[in-house]
Amino acid sequence: MPQSAGQSIRGYRCYLFDAAGHIPIVHEIEATSDKEACEFADQMLAEQPRYPAIEVWDRARQVCRLGTEYPSERTE
């Protein structure tokens, strides 16, 4: 991810969820802001259509949750 002069880089974790609500893939990324991390995660989700949802975390803080179907919120 490109850096802008004067902006500090932070590490984030992106958790991709499968249809069963499991986390088969974890990506560590670097970004200059929460917004940038969420934009990257949105792009990652679009490139991996077999995964319906993704979460972005900054250590113990959930930054965002994206997806058309979020497995833990399904009602059956």
C-alpha atoms as a PDB file:
ATOM      1  CA  MET A   1       0.000   0.000   0.000  1.00  0.00           C
ATOM      2  CA  PRO A   2       1.495   3.412  -0.905  1.00  0.00           C
ATOM      3  CA  GLN A   3       2.495   5.797   1.845  1.00  0.00           C
ATOM      4  CA  SER A   4       1.867   9.524   1.966  1.00  0.00           C
ATOM      5  CA  ALA A   5       4.617  11.707   3.361  1.00  0.00           C
ATOM      6  CA  GLY A   6       4.192  12.391   7.061  1.00  0.00           C
ATOM      7  CA  GLN A   7       1.558   9.711   7.719  1.00  0.00           C
ATOM      8  CA  SER A   8       2.322   6.887  10.098  1.00  0.00           C
ATOM      9  CA  ILE A   9       1.626   3.306   9.091  1.00  0.00           C
ATOM     10  CA  ARG A  10      -0.409   0.983  11.314  1.00  0.00           C
ATOM     11  CA  GLY A  11      -0.899  -2.741  11.129  1.00  0.00           C
ATOM     12  CA  TYR A  12      -4.369  -4.238  10.704  1.00  0.00           C
ATOM     13  CA  ARG A  13      -5.733  -7.768  10.407  1.00  0.00           C
ATOM     14  CA  CYS A  14      -8.390  -8.714   7.871  1.00  0.00           C
ATOM     15  CA  TYR A  15     -10.466 -11.819   8.593  1.00  0.00           C
ATOM     16  CA  LEU A  16     -12.323 -13.347   5.639  1.00  0.00           C
ATOM     17  CA  PHE A  17     -15.404 -15.382   6.582  1.00  0.00           C
ATOM     18  CA  ASP A  18     -16.752 -18.339   4.632  1.00  0.00           C
ATOM     19  CA  ALA A  19     -20.470 -19.118   4.303  1.00  0.00           C
ATOM     20  CA  ALA A  20     -20.380 -21.224   7.496  1.00  0.00           C
ATOM     21  CA  GLY A  21     -19.001 -18.318   9.533  1.00  0.00           C
ATOM     22  CA  HIS A  22     -15.490 -19.762   9.799  1.00  0.00           C
ATOM     23  CA  ILE A  23     -12.326 -17.732   9.232  1.00  0.00           C
ATOM     24  CA  PRO A  24     -10.214 -19.623   6.678  1.00  0.00           C
ATOM     25  CA  ILE A  25      -8.031 -16.651   5.680  1.00  0.00           C
ATOM     26  CA  VAL A  26      -6.344 -13.905   7.690  1.00  0.00           C
ATOM     27  CA  HIS A  27      -4.414 -11.116   5.977  1.00  0.00           C
ATOM     28  CA  GLU A  28      -2.167  -8.662   7.741  1.00  0.00           C
ATOM     29  CA  ILE A  29      -2.092  -5.286   6.030  1.00  0.00           C
ATOM     30  CA  GLU A  30      -0.612  -1.867   6.655  1.00  0.00           C
ATOM     31  CA  ALA A  31      -2.545   1.354   6.192  1.00  0.00           C
ATOM     32  CA  THR A  32      -2.305   5.005   7.186  1.00  0.00           C
ATOM     33  CA  SER A  33      -5.893   5.170   8.515  1.00  0.00           C
ATOM     34  CA  ASP A  34      -8.937   3.117   9.405  1.00  0.00           C
ATOM     35  CA  LYS A  35     -10.619   4.388   6.245  1.00  0.00           C
ATOM     36  CA  GLU A  36      -7.748   3.211   4.069  1.00  0.00           C
ATOM     37  CA  ALA A  37      -7.742  -0.209   5.778  1.00  0.00           C
ATOM     38  CA  CYS A  38     -11.499  -0.599   5.187  1.00  0.00           C
ATOM     39  CA  GLU A  39     -11.155   0.440   1.540  1.00  0.00           C
ATOM     40  CA  PHE A  40      -8.423  -2.159   1.061  1.00  0.00           C
ATOM     41  CA  ALA A  41     -10.589  -4.805   2.758  1.00  0.00           C
ATOM     42  CA  ASP A  42     -13.536  -3.922   0.512  1.00  0.00           C
ATOM     43  CA  GLN A  43     -11.316  -4.415  -2.541  1.00  0.00           C
ATOM     44  CA  MET A  44     -10.015  -7.704  -1.118  1.00  0.00           C
ATOM     45  CA  LEU A  45     -13.580  -8.942  -0.562  1.00  0.00           C
ATOM     46  CA  ALA A  46     -14.567  -8.020  -4.124  1.00  0.00           C
ATOM     47  CA  GLU A  47     -11.600 -10.011  -5.472  1.00  0.00           C
ATOM     48  CA  GLN A  48     -12.522 -13.140  -3.461  1.00  0.00           C
ATOM     49  CA  PRO A  49     -16.229 -13.773  -4.173  1.00  0.00           C
ATOM     50  CA  ARG A  50     -16.333 -17.143  -2.396  1.00  0.00           C
ATOM     51  CA  TYR A  51     -16.116 -15.277   0.925  1.00  0.00           C
ATOM     52  CA  PRO A  52     -19.265 -13.322   1.857  1.00  0.00           C
ATOM     53  CA  ALA A  53     -17.802 -11.152   4.633  1.00  0.00           C
ATOM     54  CA  ILE A  54     -14.651  -9.570   6.020  1.00  0.00           C
ATOM     55  CA  GLU A  55     -13.726  -7.862   9.287  1.00  0.00           C
ATOM     56  CA  VAL A  56     -10.857  -5.448   9.854  1.00  0.00           C
ATOM     57  CA  TRP A  57      -9.252  -5.229  13.288  1.00  0.00           C
ATOM     58  CA  ASP A  58      -6.680  -2.906  14.838  1.00  0.00           C
ATOM     59  CA  ARG A  59      -5.468  -5.104  17.704  1.00  0.00           C
ATOM     60  CA  ALA A  60      -8.567  -5.615  19.929  1.00  0.00           C
ATOM     61  CA  ARG A  61     -10.630  -2.888  18.197  1.00  0.00           C
ATOM     62  CA  GLN A  62     -12.959  -3.819  15.368  1.00  0.00           C
ATOM     63  CA  VAL A  63     -12.565  -1.195  12.656  1.00  0.00           C
ATOM     64  CA  CYS A  64     -15.180  -2.332  10.148  1.00  0.00           C
ATOM     65  CA  ARG A  65     -17.244  -5.255   8.945  1.00  0.00           C
ATOM     66  CA  LEU A  66     -18.149  -5.619   5.292  1.00  0.00           C
ATOM     67  CA  GLY A  67     -20.130  -8.086   3.229  1.00  0.00           C
ATOM     68  CA  THR A  68     -23.449  -8.879   1.657  1.00  0.00           C
ATOM     69  CA  GLU A  69     -24.171 -11.671   4.106  1.00  0.00           C
ATOM     70  CA  TYR A  70     -22.557 -11.656   7.488  1.00  0.00           C
ATOM     71  CA  PRO A  71     -22.687 -15.273   8.761  1.00  0.00           C
ATOM     72  CA  SER A  72     -23.092 -14.552  12.479  1.00  0.00           C
ATOM     73  CA  GLU A  73     -26.149 -12.375  11.834  1.00  0.00           C
ATOM     74  CA  ARG A  74     -28.161 -14.866   9.804  1.00  0.00           C
ATOM     75  CA  THR A  75     -31.506 -15.896  11.213  1.00  0.00           C
ATOM     76  CA  GLU A  76     -32.774 -19.355  10.373  1.00  0.00           C
END
